[in-house]
Amino acid sequence: MLTRNEVDIATTNLIATAQRLDVVDFISPIADVRTTVHIRKPDPVSNISNLVRAFDTAFWGAVVMTIALLSTSLSLSIVWYHVSIRLEKHLCDIISESFLHISGSFLCQGSTINVRSSVIRAISVTSYLTATVVMAAYSAAFVSNLTIQSLQLPFTTYEGLLKDGRFRLLAVSGTAQLNYFDQSSNPLIEEVYETLMKPIKQSMPRSQAEGLQRLCSEDHIAFAGVETGVDSFKGQLACEIVRLPATAIPASMAMAITKGSPYKRILSHYSSELRRNGILSRISSTTIPRTLDNAGELFSEIEFKSVALLFTALAMGFVAAITILIGELISKYVLTKLEFPQICWYKK
């Protein structure tokens, strides 16, 4: 309608592109926008690193050394106690009880040692106090890691998108977003278009809503859209989506006007004044939703996949305990039948 001179100005905000500038003019920009590639939010990844990355290697080493030092100190104290009161006890029993008592305190497990000694009591108190602080710090770091999860995206750049090779890239047909790719002189963007977009150009979505619906319903789909426009659809989608900031293409949106229109300068002047005075920014902040990054959400659900490793560790603990128990029973039976002499003992 603008090129046929049926209207003087289009109040719809359009992105200024080289092709459009050939046939219409634009007044001063009203807003700066970015076209960004969006993908479906990947499922959280649960691996062994989630259990240990609360502390760094040096800290874990310090914890292990503390347990070893306290266990050794407790063993020596118990040995000295039994020597002083002339009691006999196997050395293996003393060492194992000491290790289990100290390591149990670090795992929030209670145990008793029937020894009346101030030194041994002091070691136990030191162990439990240290374990309480370490466990509190670990729990805080681990829970924070679960609630504020860092996504492991399959790629973050156009190079990664090409290297991945599984995804198809969609853009709304007949829009500036598609022109960014099919009219680009950038070798990388050209390759993205030729590889990921051109083969499916005939099936490009005809609206942003259609593109986002396909993003949720089809596997390995990426969608290039204006960030503010995508944000406005978030509550209507059947899936969660994330944007890849490294793929952003900046642009300006403005009202289009007929080529050579005498109203261009006056309209551009008032548009610039509205923007300079902050009026356009205030209107934009109150009318354009900004919810894609979950801003303002007070509650975050933790999916089972995120904590599946904890249940796996629990199951492995049960299996290990049963296996050790069976091994102990078998070894005791064999040693008893063979009358094998004890090789680990302590006597006064």
C-alpha atoms as a PDB file:
ATOM      1  CA  MET A   1       0.000   0.000   0.000  1.00  0.00           C
ATOM      2  CA  LEU A   2       2.953   2.305   0.619  1.00  0.00           C
ATOM      3  CA  THR A   3       4.521   1.602  -2.756  1.00  0.00           C
ATOM      4  CA  ARG A   4       1.142   2.143  -4.467  1.00  0.00           C
ATOM      5  CA  ASN A   5       0.760   5.472  -2.598  1.00  0.00           C
ATOM      6  CA  GLU A   6      -2.515   4.313  -1.072  1.00  0.00           C
ATOM      7  CA  VAL A   7      -1.305   5.367   2.398  1.00  0.00           C
ATOM      8  CA  ASP A   8       1.311   7.822   3.646  1.00  0.00           C
ATOM      9  CA  ILE A   9       2.667   5.959   6.673  1.00  0.00           C
ATOM     10  CA  ALA A  10       2.517   2.515   8.254  1.00  0.00           C
ATOM     11  CA  THR A  11       2.278   2.640  12.026  1.00  0.00           C
ATOM     12  CA  THR A  12       3.425  -0.966  12.264  1.00  0.00           C
ATOM     13  CA  ASN A  13       7.021  -1.043  13.395  1.00  0.00           C
ATOM     14  CA  LEU A  14       9.166  -2.569  10.683  1.00  0.00           C
ATOM     15  CA  ILE A  15      12.824  -3.504  10.638  1.00  0.00           C
ATOM     16  CA  ALA A  16      14.752  -1.442   8.123  1.00  0.00           C
ATOM     17  CA  THR A  17      16.457  -3.673   5.556  1.00  0.00           C
ATOM     18  CA  ALA A  18      18.267  -2.879   2.317  1.00  0.00           C
ATOM     19  CA  GLN A  19      15.437  -4.285   0.201  1.00  0.00           C
ATOM     20  CA  ARG A  20      12.802  -2.209   2.003  1.00  0.00           C
ATOM     21  CA  LEU A  21      14.862   0.971   1.772  1.00  0.00           C
ATOM     22  CA  ASP A  22      14.762   0.629  -2.008  1.00  0.00           C
ATOM     23  CA  VAL A  23      10.984   1.177  -2.059  1.00  0.00           C
ATOM     24  CA  VAL A  24      10.071   3.054   1.149  1.00  0.00           C
ATOM     25  CA  ASP A  25      11.646   5.434   3.660  1.00  0.00           C
ATOM     26  CA  PHE A  26      11.803   5.091   7.429  1.00  0.00           C
ATOM     27  CA  ILE A  27      11.468   7.744  10.090  1.00  0.00           C
ATOM     28  CA  SER A  28      13.823   7.861  13.077  1.00  0.00           C
ATOM     29  CA  PRO A  29      14.113   4.482  14.850  1.00  0.00           C
ATOM     30  CA  ILE A  30      11.592   3.844  17.581  1.00  0.00           C
ATOM     31  CA  ALA A  31      13.293   0.858  19.197  1.00  0.00           C
ATOM     32  CA  ASP A  32      16.383  -1.288  18.954  1.00  0.00           C
ATOM     33  CA  VAL A  33      15.688  -4.991  18.634  1.00  0.00           C
ATOM     34  CA  ARG A  34      17.663  -8.189  18.254  1.00  0.00           C
ATOM     35  CA  THR A  35      16.940 -11.241  16.182  1.00  0.00           C
ATOM     36  CA  THR A  36      18.200 -14.292  18.065  1.00  0.00           C
ATOM     37  CA  VAL A  37      18.163 -18.026  17.519  1.00  0.00           C
ATOM     38  CA  HIS A  38      15.930 -19.876  20.004  1.00  0.00           C
ATOM     39  CA  ILE A  39      15.870 -23.579  20.803  1.00  0.00           C
ATOM     40  CA  ARG A  40      13.854 -25.816  23.087  1.00  0.00           C
ATOM     41  CA  LYS A  41      15.233 -25.866  26.616  1.00  0.00           C
ATOM     42  CA  PRO A  42      17.378 -29.001  26.962  1.00  0.00           C
ATOM     43  CA  ASP A  43      16.728 -31.489  29.732  1.00  0.00           C
ATOM     44  CA  PRO A  44      18.961 -31.136  32.812  1.00  0.00           C
ATOM     45  CA  VAL A  45      21.989 -33.378  32.807  1.00  0.00           C
ATOM     46  CA  SER A  46      22.687 -35.415  35.943  1.00  0.00           C
ATOM     47  CA  ASN A  47      26.217 -36.753  36.368  1.00  0.00           C
ATOM     48  CA  ILE A  48      28.695 -37.540  39.094  1.00  0.00           C
ATOM     49  CA  SER A  49      30.207 -34.062  38.921  1.00  0.00           C
ATOM     50  CA  ASN A  50      27.005 -32.638  40.423  1.00  0.00           C
ATOM     51  CA  LEU A  51      27.816 -34.425  43.682  1.00  0.00           C
ATOM     52  CA  VAL A  52      31.418 -33.276  44.006  1.00  0.00           C
ATOM     53  CA  ARG A  53      31.621 -29.856  42.365  1.00  0.00           C
ATOM     54  CA  ALA A  54      30.268 -28.112  45.475  1.00  0.00           C
ATOM     55  CA  PHE A  55      33.906 -28.042  46.648  1.00  0.00           C
ATOM     56  CA  ASP A  56      37.093 -27.789  44.636  1.00  0.00           C
ATOM     57  CA  THR A  57      39.789 -30.462  44.615  1.00  0.00           C
ATOM     58  CA  ALA A  58      41.880 -28.790  47.315  1.00  0.00           C
ATOM     59  CA  PHE A  59      38.926 -28.601  49.689  1.00  0.00           C
ATOM     60  CA  TRP A  60      38.015 -32.264  49.162  1.00  0.00           C
ATOM     61  CA  GLY A  61      41.654 -33.140  49.781  1.00  0.00           C
ATOM     62  CA  ALA A  62      41.587 -31.186  53.033  1.00  0.00           C
ATOM     63  CA  VAL A  63      38.427 -33.055  54.135  1.00  0.00           C
ATOM     64  CA  VAL A  64      40.022 -36.448  53.409  1.00  0.00           C
ATOM     65  CA  MET A  65      43.215 -35.461  55.248  1.00  0.00           C
ATOM     66  CA  THR A  66      41.155 -34.250  58.218  1.00  0.00           C
ATOM     67  CA  ILE A  67      39.304 -37.569  58.419  1.00  0.00           C
ATOM     68  CA  ALA A  68      42.596 -39.503  58.194  1.00  0.00           C
ATOM     69  CA  LEU A  69      44.269 -37.320  60.846  1.00  0.00           C
ATOM     70  CA  LEU A  70      41.361 -37.525  63.272  1.00  0.00           C
ATOM     71  CA  SER A  71      41.017 -41.293  62.727  1.00  0.00           C
ATOM     72  CA  THR A  72      44.726 -41.793  63.423  1.00  0.00           C
ATOM     73  CA  SER A  73      44.606 -39.606  66.525  1.00  0.00           C
ATOM     74  CA  LEU A  74      41.547 -41.453  67.816  1.00  0.00           C
ATOM     75  CA  SER A  75      43.151 -44.869  67.202  1.00  0.00           C
ATOM     76  CA  LEU A  76      46.323 -43.906  69.056  1.00  0.00           C
ATOM     77  CA  SER A  77      44.306 -42.454  71.939  1.00  0.00           C
ATOM     78  CA  ILE A  78      42.249 -45.646  72.280  1.00  0.00           C
ATOM     79  CA  VAL A  79      45.377 -47.803  72.154  1.00  0.00           C
ATOM     80  CA  TRP A  80      46.981 -45.687  74.879  1.00  0.00           C
ATOM     81  CA  TYR A  81      43.803 -45.898  76.960  1.00  0.00           C
ATOM     82  CA  HIS A  82      43.732 -49.705  76.761  1.00  0.00           C
ATOM     83  CA  VAL A  83      47.435 -49.904  77.598  1.00  0.00           C
ATOM     84  CA  SER A  84      46.953 -47.689  80.643  1.00  0.00           C
ATOM     85  CA  ILE A  85      44.130 -49.800  82.070  1.00  0.00           C
ATOM     86  CA  ARG A  86      45.654 -53.125  80.994  1.00  0.00           C
ATOM     87  CA  LEU A  87      42.902 -54.207  78.613  1.00  0.00           C
ATOM     88  CA  GLU A  88      43.326 -56.260  75.443  1.00  0.00           C
ATOM     89  CA  LYS A  89      41.657 -55.401  72.177  1.00  0.00           C
ATOM     90  CA  HIS A  90      42.376 -56.290  68.569  1.00  0.00           C
ATOM     91  CA  LEU A  91      44.223 -53.559  66.720  1.00  0.00           C
ATOM     92  CA  CYS A  92      42.048 -54.084  63.646  1.00  0.00           C
ATOM     93  CA  ASP A  93      38.953 -53.420  65.749  1.00  0.00           C
ATOM     94  CA  ILE A  94      40.433 -50.222  67.138  1.00  0.00           C
ATOM     95  CA  ILE A  95      41.417 -48.887  63.706  1.00  0.00           C
ATOM     96  CA  SER A  96      38.102 -49.794  62.066  1.00  0.00           C
ATOM     97  CA  GLU A  97      36.029 -48.371  64.931  1.00  0.00           C
ATOM     98  CA  SER A  98      38.035 -45.156  64.904  1.00  0.00           C
ATOM     99  CA  PHE A  99      37.683 -44.705  61.144  1.00  0.00           C
ATOM    100  CA  LEU A 100      33.955 -45.481  61.182  1.00  0.00           C
ATOM    101  CA  HIS A 101      33.390 -43.120  64.113  1.00  0.00           C
ATOM    102  CA  ILE A 102      35.200 -40.184  62.436  1.00  0.00           C
ATOM    103  CA  SER A 103      33.911 -40.768  58.901  1.00  0.00           C
ATOM    104  CA  GLY A 104      30.416 -41.354  60.311  1.00  0.00           C
ATOM    105  CA  SER A 105      30.477 -37.937  61.957  1.00  0.00           C
ATOM    106  CA  PHE A 106      31.222 -36.343  58.566  1.00  0.00           C
ATOM    107  CA  LEU A 107      28.227 -38.214  57.144  1.00  0.00           C
ATOM    108  CA  CYS A 108      25.942 -37.106  59.990  1.00  0.00           C
ATOM    109  CA  GLN A 109      25.878 -40.599  61.501  1.00  0.00           C
ATOM    110  CA  GLY A 110      26.055 -41.016  65.263  1.00  0.00           C
ATOM    111  CA  SER A 111      28.185 -43.661  66.993  1.00  0.00           C
ATOM    112  CA  THR A 112      29.502 -44.376  70.473  1.00  0.00           C
ATOM    113  CA  ILE A 113      32.892 -45.310  71.869  1.00  0.00           C
ATOM    114  CA  ASN A 114      32.742 -46.786  75.356  1.00  0.00           C
ATOM    115  CA  VAL A 115      35.949 -45.203  76.558  1.00  0.00           C
ATOM    116  CA  ARG A 116      36.126 -42.726  79.421  1.00  0.00           C
ATOM    117  CA  SER A 117      38.921 -40.455  78.277  1.00  0.00           C
ATOM    118  CA  SER A 118      38.975 -36.662  77.985  1.00  0.00           C
ATOM    119  CA  VAL A 119      41.344 -36.874  75.016  1.00  0.00           C
ATOM    120  CA  ILE A 120      39.031 -39.186  73.086  1.00  0.00           C
ATOM    121  CA  ARG A 121      36.030 -37.019  73.907  1.00  0.00           C
ATOM    122  CA  ALA A 122      37.894 -33.915  72.695  1.00  0.00           C
ATOM    123  CA  ILE A 123      38.699 -35.652  69.399  1.00  0.00           C
ATOM    124  CA  SER A 124      35.036 -36.641  68.965  1.00  0.00           C
ATOM    125  CA  VAL A 125      33.805 -33.103  69.681  1.00  0.00           C
ATOM    126  CA  THR A 126      36.352 -31.677  67.216  1.00  0.00           C
ATOM    127  CA  SER A 127      35.240 -34.184  64.586  1.00  0.00           C
ATOM    128  CA  TYR A 128      31.520 -33.417  64.974  1.00  0.00           C
ATOM    129  CA  LEU A 129      32.001 -29.643  65.008  1.00  0.00           C
ATOM    130  CA  THR A 130      34.152 -29.779  61.872  1.00  0.00           C
ATOM    131  CA  ALA A 131      31.718 -32.142  60.154  1.00  0.00           C
ATOM    132  CA  THR A 132      28.759 -29.868  60.971  1.00  0.00           C
ATOM    133  CA  VAL A 133      30.394 -26.860  59.319  1.00  0.00           C
ATOM    134  CA  VAL A 134      31.518 -28.861  56.275  1.00  0.00           C
ATOM    135  CA  MET A 135      28.100 -30.497  55.822  1.00  0.00           C
ATOM    136  CA  ALA A 136      26.319 -27.139  56.111  1.00  0.00           C
ATOM    137  CA  ALA A 137      28.576 -25.622  53.460  1.00  0.00           C
ATOM    138  CA  TYR A 138      28.193 -28.635  51.173  1.00  0.00           C
ATOM    139  CA  SER A 139      24.398 -28.706  51.536  1.00  0.00           C
ATOM    140  CA  ALA A 140      24.119 -24.987  50.742  1.00  0.00           C
ATOM    141  CA  ALA A 141      26.298 -25.298  47.638  1.00  0.00           C
ATOM    142  CA  PHE A 142      24.556 -28.472  46.434  1.00  0.00           C
ATOM    143  CA  VAL A 143      21.024 -27.111  46.886  1.00  0.00           C
ATOM    144  CA  SER A 144      22.010 -23.871  45.145  1.00  0.00           C
ATOM    145  CA  ASN A 145      23.371 -25.898  42.248  1.00  0.00           C
ATOM    146  CA  LEU A 146      20.059 -27.756  41.949  1.00  0.00           C
ATOM    147  CA  THR A 147      17.817 -24.689  42.107  1.00  0.00           C
ATOM    148  CA  ILE A 148      19.950 -22.479  39.867  1.00  0.00           C
ATOM    149  CA  GLN A 149      20.938 -24.913  37.164  1.00  0.00           C
ATOM    150  CA  SER A 150      23.367 -23.940  34.448  1.00  0.00           C
ATOM    151  CA  LEU A 151      22.082 -25.245  31.143  1.00  0.00           C
ATOM    152  CA  GLN A 152      24.311 -27.386  29.005  1.00  0.00           C
ATOM    153  CA  LEU A 153      23.331 -26.122  25.579  1.00  0.00           C
ATOM    154  CA  PRO A 154      24.161 -28.176  22.479  1.00  0.00           C
ATOM    155  CA  PHE A 155      25.653 -25.039  20.917  1.00  0.00           C
ATOM    156  CA  THR A 156      25.746 -21.287  21.501  1.00  0.00           C
ATOM    157  CA  THR A 157      26.984 -19.838  18.198  1.00  0.00           C
ATOM    158  CA  TYR A 158      26.314 -20.180  14.494  1.00  0.00           C
ATOM    159  CA  GLU A 159      29.547 -22.161  14.173  1.00  0.00           C
ATOM    160  CA  GLY A 160      28.255 -24.601  16.789  1.00  0.00           C
ATOM    161  CA  LEU A 161      24.883 -24.802  15.032  1.00  0.00           C
ATOM    162  CA  LEU A 162      26.608 -25.792  11.796  1.00  0.00           C
ATOM    163  CA  LYS A 163      28.963 -28.205  13.508  1.00  0.00           C
ATOM    164  CA  ASP A 164      26.106 -29.910  15.341  1.00  0.00           C
ATOM    165  CA  GLY A 165      24.420 -30.709  12.029  1.00  0.00           C
ATOM    166  CA  ARG A 166      21.159 -32.033  13.525  1.00  0.00           C
ATOM    167  CA  PHE A 167      19.110 -28.832  13.696  1.00  0.00           C
ATOM    168  CA  ARG A 168      17.046 -27.038  11.071  1.00  0.00           C
ATOM    169  CA  LEU A 169      16.738 -23.274  11.336  1.00  0.00           C
ATOM    170  CA  LEU A 170      13.325 -21.639  10.859  1.00  0.00           C
ATOM    171  CA  ALA A 171      12.370 -17.998  10.275  1.00  0.00           C
ATOM    172  CA  VAL A 172       9.021 -16.489   9.398  1.00  0.00           C
ATOM    173  CA  SER A 173       8.569 -16.385   5.632  1.00  0.00           C
ATOM    174  CA  GLY A 174       8.691 -12.934   4.040  1.00  0.00           C
ATOM    175  CA  THR A 175      10.229 -11.189   7.060  1.00  0.00           C
ATOM    176  CA  ALA A 176      13.450  -9.364   7.764  1.00  0.00           C
ATOM    177  CA  GLN A 177      14.581 -12.314   9.881  1.00  0.00           C
ATOM    178  CA  LEU A 178      14.672 -14.522   6.787  1.00  0.00           C
ATOM    179  CA  ASN A 179      16.365 -11.763   4.764  1.00  0.00           C
ATOM    180  CA  TYR A 180      19.192 -11.631   7.304  1.00  0.00           C
ATOM    181  CA  PHE A 181      20.181 -15.056   6.086  1.00  0.00           C
ATOM    182  CA  ASP A 182      19.188 -15.284   2.402  1.00  0.00           C
ATOM    183  CA  GLN A 183      20.539 -11.803   1.582  1.00  0.00           C
ATOM    184  CA  SER A 184      23.647 -11.865   3.785  1.00  0.00           C
ATOM    185  CA  SER A 185      27.160 -11.343   2.427  1.00  0.00           C
ATOM    186  CA  ASN A 186      28.729 -12.862   5.541  1.00  0.00           C
ATOM    187  CA  PRO A 187      30.275 -16.239   4.607  1.00  0.00           C
ATOM    188  CA  LEU A 188      29.212 -17.852   7.881  1.00  0.00           C
ATOM    189  CA  ILE A 189      25.602 -16.647   7.634  1.00  0.00           C
ATOM    190  CA  GLU A 190      25.516 -17.690   3.960  1.00  0.00           C
ATOM    191  CA  GLU A 191      26.621 -21.194   4.927  1.00  0.00           C
ATOM    192  CA  VAL A 192      23.954 -21.328   7.652  1.00  0.00           C
ATOM    193  CA  TYR A 193      21.303 -20.390   5.090  1.00  0.00           C
ATOM    194  CA  GLU A 194      22.505 -22.793   2.398  1.00  0.00           C
ATOM    195  CA  THR A 195      22.853 -25.711   4.816  1.00  0.00           C
ATOM    196  CA  LEU A 196      20.073 -25.304   7.346  1.00  0.00           C
ATOM    197  CA  MET A 197      17.428 -23.059   5.787  1.00  0.00           C
ATOM    198  CA  LYS A 198      17.385 -23.226   2.000  1.00  0.00           C
ATOM    199  CA  PRO A 199      16.437 -26.939   1.811  1.00  0.00           C
ATOM    200  CA  ILE A 200      13.284 -26.211   3.862  1.00  0.00           C
ATOM    201  CA  LYS A 201      12.528 -22.695   2.595  1.00  0.00           C
ATOM    202  CA  GLN A 202       9.188 -23.754   1.122  1.00  0.00           C
ATOM    203  CA  SER A 203       8.021 -25.007   4.521  1.00  0.00           C
ATOM    204  CA  MET A 204       8.993 -21.939   6.512  1.00  0.00           C
ATOM    205  CA  PRO A 205       6.332 -20.832   9.040  1.00  0.00           C
ATOM    206  CA  ARG A 206       3.996 -18.037   7.995  1.00  0.00           C
ATOM    207  CA  SER A 207       3.804 -16.508  11.462  1.00  0.00           C
ATOM    208  CA  GLN A 208       5.868 -16.314  14.610  1.00  0.00           C
ATOM    209  CA  ALA A 209       3.279 -18.334  16.522  1.00  0.00           C
ATOM    210  CA  GLU A 210       3.520 -21.152  13.977  1.00  0.00           C
ATOM    211  CA  GLY A 211       7.305 -21.145  14.168  1.00  0.00           C
ATOM    212  CA  LEU A 212       7.315 -21.376  17.951  1.00  0.00           C
ATOM    213  CA  GLN A 213       4.721 -24.154  17.911  1.00  0.00           C
ATOM    214  CA  ARG A 214       6.909 -26.147  15.541  1.00  0.00           C
ATOM    215  CA  LEU A 215       9.855 -25.464  17.817  1.00  0.00           C
ATOM    216  CA  CYS A 216       7.982 -27.236  20.629  1.00  0.00           C
ATOM    217  CA  SER A 217       6.432 -30.039  18.583  1.00  0.00           C
ATOM    218  CA  GLU A 218       9.312 -31.031  16.293  1.00  0.00           C
ATOM    219  CA  ASP A 219      12.734 -32.329  17.273  1.00  0.00           C
ATOM    220  CA  HIS A 220      15.953 -30.518  16.451  1.00  0.00           C
ATOM    221  CA  ILE A 221      14.363 -27.233  15.428  1.00  0.00           C
ATOM    222  CA  ALA A 222      15.852 -23.773  15.954  1.00  0.00           C
ATOM    223  CA  PHE A 223      13.878 -20.575  15.381  1.00  0.00           C
ATOM    224  CA  ALA A 224      15.247 -17.128  14.513  1.00  0.00           C
ATOM    225  CA  GLY A 225      12.923 -14.448  15.847  1.00  0.00           C
ATOM    226  CA  VAL A 226      12.833 -11.011  17.433  1.00  0.00           C
ATOM    227  CA  GLU A 227      13.422 -11.425  21.163  1.00  0.00           C
ATOM    228  CA  THR A 228      10.546  -9.197  22.294  1.00  0.00           C
ATOM    229  CA  GLY A 229       8.153 -10.923  19.927  1.00  0.00           C
ATOM    230  CA  VAL A 230       9.154 -14.378  21.143  1.00  0.00           C
ATOM    231  CA  ASP A 231       8.798 -13.255  24.759  1.00  0.00           C
ATOM    232  CA  SER A 232       5.166 -12.313  24.161  1.00  0.00           C
ATOM    233  CA  PHE A 233       4.350 -15.947  23.252  1.00  0.00           C
ATOM    234  CA  LYS A 234       6.066 -17.614  26.184  1.00  0.00           C
ATOM    235  CA  GLY A 235       2.972 -18.259  28.263  1.00  0.00           C
ATOM    236  CA  GLN A 236       1.196 -19.833  25.290  1.00  0.00           C
ATOM    237  CA  LEU A 237       3.843 -22.430  24.416  1.00  0.00           C
ATOM    238  CA  ALA A 238       3.821 -26.116  25.292  1.00  0.00           C
ATOM    239  CA  CYS A 239       7.550 -26.121  26.085  1.00  0.00           C
ATOM    240  CA  GLU A 240      10.250 -23.954  27.584  1.00  0.00           C
ATOM    241  CA  ILE A 241      12.619 -22.242  25.172  1.00  0.00           C
ATOM    242  CA  VAL A 242      15.973 -20.538  25.568  1.00  0.00           C
ATOM    243  CA  ARG A 243      17.724 -18.003  23.409  1.00  0.00           C
ATOM    244  CA  LEU A 244      21.336 -18.099  22.316  1.00  0.00           C
ATOM    245  CA  PRO A 245      22.689 -14.566  22.921  1.00  0.00           C
ATOM    246  CA  ALA A 246      25.812 -15.161  20.841  1.00  0.00           C
ATOM    247  CA  THR A 247      23.618 -15.479  17.724  1.00  0.00           C
ATOM    248  CA  ALA A 248      21.950 -12.064  18.152  1.00  0.00           C
ATOM    249  CA  ILE A 249      21.650  -9.801  15.104  1.00  0.00           C
ATOM    250  CA  PRO A 250      20.915  -6.177  16.122  1.00  0.00           C
ATOM    251  CA  ALA A 251      18.526  -3.966  14.153  1.00  0.00           C
ATOM    252  CA  SER A 252      16.292  -0.913  14.483  1.00  0.00           C
ATOM    253  CA  MET A 253      12.538  -0.775  14.184  1.00  0.00           C
ATOM    254  CA  ALA A 254      10.746   2.253  12.755  1.00  0.00           C
ATOM    255  CA  MET A 255       7.580   3.330  10.993  1.00  0.00           C
ATOM    256  CA  ALA A 256       7.726   3.106   7.216  1.00  0.00           C
ATOM    257  CA  ILE A 257       6.698   6.065   5.062  1.00  0.00           C
ATOM    258  CA  THR A 258       6.246   6.519   1.309  1.00  0.00           C
ATOM    259  CA  LYS A 259       9.404   7.157  -0.655  1.00  0.00           C
ATOM    260  CA  GLY A 260      10.231  10.877  -0.741  1.00  0.00           C
ATOM    261  CA  SER A 261       7.360  11.828   1.566  1.00  0.00           C
ATOM    262  CA  PRO A 262       7.335  15.508   2.683  1.00  0.00           C
ATOM    263  CA  TYR A 263       6.303  14.352   6.178  1.00  0.00           C
ATOM    264  CA  LYS A 264       9.499  12.403   6.833  1.00  0.00           C
ATOM    265  CA  ARG A 265      11.463  15.166   8.584  1.00  0.00           C
ATOM    266  CA  ILE A 266       8.697  16.323  10.910  1.00  0.00           C
ATOM    267  CA  LEU A 267       7.746  12.758  11.869  1.00  0.00           C
ATOM    268  CA  SER A 268      11.393  11.832  12.422  1.00  0.00           C
ATOM    269  CA  HIS A 269      11.786  14.915  14.628  1.00  0.00           C
ATOM    270  CA  TYR A 270       8.907  13.974  16.933  1.00  0.00           C
ATOM    271  CA  SER A 271       9.955  10.341  16.969  1.00  0.00           C
ATOM    272  CA  SER A 272      13.440  11.364  18.095  1.00  0.00           C
ATOM    273  CA  GLU A 273      11.976  13.633  20.782  1.00  0.00           C
ATOM    274  CA  LEU A 274       9.804  10.838  22.161  1.00  0.00           C
ATOM    275  CA  ARG A 275      12.798   8.549  22.320  1.00  0.00           C
ATOM    276  CA  ARG A 276      15.153  11.155  23.803  1.00  0.00           C
ATOM    277  CA  ASN A 277      12.687  12.064  26.553  1.00  0.00           C
ATOM    278  CA  GLY A 278      12.260   8.427  27.555  1.00  0.00           C
ATOM    279  CA  ILE A 279       8.589   8.243  26.614  1.00  0.00           C
ATOM    280  CA  LEU A 280       9.103   5.431  24.126  1.00  0.00           C
ATOM    281  CA  SER A 281      11.204   3.517  26.646  1.00  0.00           C
ATOM    282  CA  ARG A 282       8.456   3.816  29.260  1.00  0.00           C
ATOM    283  CA  ILE A 283       5.795   2.658  26.816  1.00  0.00           C
ATOM    284  CA  SER A 284       7.980  -0.257  25.754  1.00  0.00           C
ATOM    285  CA  SER A 285       8.635  -1.363  29.354  1.00  0.00           C
ATOM    286  CA  THR A 286       4.914  -1.419  30.151  1.00  0.00           C
ATOM    287  CA  THR A 287       3.651  -3.071  26.975  1.00  0.00           C
ATOM    288  CA  ILE A 288       6.352  -5.537  25.926  1.00  0.00           C
ATOM    289  CA  PRO A 289       6.665  -8.602  28.198  1.00  0.00           C
ATOM    290  CA  ARG A 290      10.131  -9.647  29.291  1.00  0.00           C
ATOM    291  CA  THR A 291       9.576 -13.085  30.725  1.00  0.00           C
ATOM    292  CA  LEU A 292      11.685 -15.458  28.651  1.00  0.00           C
ATOM    293  CA  ASP A 293      14.506 -15.531  31.198  1.00  0.00           C
ATOM    294  CA  ASN A 294      12.062 -16.329  34.058  1.00  0.00           C
ATOM    295  CA  ALA A 295      12.593 -12.915  35.641  1.00  0.00           C
ATOM    296  CA  GLY A 296      10.582 -12.445  38.793  1.00  0.00           C
ATOM    297  CA  GLU A 297       9.769 -16.116  39.365  1.00  0.00           C
ATOM    298  CA  LEU A 298       9.978 -16.882  43.081  1.00  0.00           C
ATOM    299  CA  PHE A 299       9.732 -20.646  42.837  1.00  0.00           C
ATOM    300  CA  SER A 300      11.711 -23.029  40.692  1.00  0.00           C
ATOM    301  CA  GLU A 301      10.769 -26.685  40.391  1.00  0.00           C
ATOM    302  CA  ILE A 302      13.513 -29.276  40.492  1.00  0.00           C
ATOM    303  CA  GLU A 303      12.968 -32.055  37.998  1.00  0.00           C
ATOM    304  CA  PHE A 304      13.540 -35.688  38.964  1.00  0.00           C
ATOM    305  CA  LYS A 305      16.272 -35.967  36.329  1.00  0.00           C
ATOM    306  CA  SER A 306      18.314 -33.433  38.293  1.00  0.00           C
ATOM    307  CA  VAL A 307      18.364 -35.579  41.430  1.00  0.00           C
ATOM    308  CA  ALA A 308      18.247 -39.019  39.836  1.00  0.00           C
ATOM    309  CA  LEU A 309      21.926 -39.458  40.638  1.00  0.00           C
ATOM    310  CA  LEU A 310      21.171 -39.194  44.357  1.00  0.00           C
ATOM    311  CA  PHE A 311      18.775 -42.125  44.171  1.00  0.00           C
ATOM    312  CA  THR A 312      21.318 -44.014  42.067  1.00  0.00           C
ATOM    313  CA  ALA A 313      23.960 -43.423  44.733  1.00  0.00           C
ATOM    314  CA  LEU A 314      21.510 -44.622  47.400  1.00  0.00           C
ATOM    315  CA  ALA A 315      20.802 -47.825  45.460  1.00  0.00           C
ATOM    316  CA  MET A 316      24.529 -48.398  44.927  1.00  0.00           C
ATOM    317  CA  GLY A 317      25.056 -47.949  48.666  1.00  0.00           C
ATOM    318  CA  PHE A 318      22.493 -50.642  49.425  1.00  0.00           C
ATOM    319  CA  VAL A 319      24.130 -53.032  46.941  1.00  0.00           C
ATOM    320  CA  ALA A 320      27.609 -52.292  48.294  1.00  0.00           C
ATOM    321  CA  ALA A 321      26.479 -52.824  51.908  1.00  0.00           C
ATOM    322  CA  ILE A 322      24.855 -56.152  51.093  1.00  0.00           C
ATOM    323  CA  THR A 323      27.892 -57.271  49.089  1.00  0.00           C
ATOM    324  CA  ILE A 324      30.282 -56.393  51.925  1.00  0.00           C
ATOM    325  CA  LEU A 325      28.071 -58.161  54.449  1.00  0.00           C
ATOM    326  CA  ILE A 326      28.001 -61.330  52.361  1.00  0.00           C
ATOM    327  CA  GLY A 327      31.768 -61.108  51.893  1.00  0.00           C
ATOM    328  CA  GLU A 328      32.333 -60.783  55.631  1.00  0.00           C
ATOM    329  CA  LEU A 329      30.085 -63.754  56.406  1.00  0.00           C
ATOM    330  CA  ILE A 330      31.826 -65.913  53.822  1.00  0.00           C
ATOM    331  CA  SER A 331      35.303 -64.917  54.991  1.00  0.00           C
ATOM    332  CA  LYS A 332      34.405 -65.561  58.617  1.00  0.00           C
ATOM    333  CA  TYR A 333      33.022 -68.984  57.744  1.00  0.00           C
ATOM    334  CA  VAL A 334      36.095 -69.906  55.705  1.00  0.00           C
ATOM    335  CA  LEU A 335      38.535 -68.710  58.361  1.00  0.00           C
ATOM    336  CA  THR A 336      36.629 -70.568  61.061  1.00  0.00           C
ATOM    337  CA  LYS A 337      36.562 -73.835  59.097  1.00  0.00           C
ATOM    338  CA  LEU A 338      40.216 -73.614  58.166  1.00  0.00           C
ATOM    339  CA  GLU A 339      41.231 -72.436  61.643  1.00  0.00           C
ATOM    340  CA  PHE A 340      43.210 -69.664  60.019  1.00  0.00           C
ATOM    341  CA  PRO A 341      45.165 -67.652  62.655  1.00  0.00           C
ATOM    342  CA  GLN A 342      44.344 -63.992  63.176  1.00  0.00           C
ATOM    343  CA  ILE A 343      46.944 -61.709  61.664  1.00  0.00           C
ATOM    344  CA  CYS A 344      45.742 -58.375  62.990  1.00  0.00           C
ATOM    345  CA  TRP A 345      45.529 -57.951  66.761  1.00  0.00           C
ATOM    346  CA  TYR A 346      46.719 -55.885  69.622  1.00  0.00           C
ATOM    347  CA  LYS A 347      47.903 -57.144  72.988  1.00  0.00           C
ATOM    348  CA  LYS A 348      49.360 -55.387  75.958  1.00  0.00           C
END
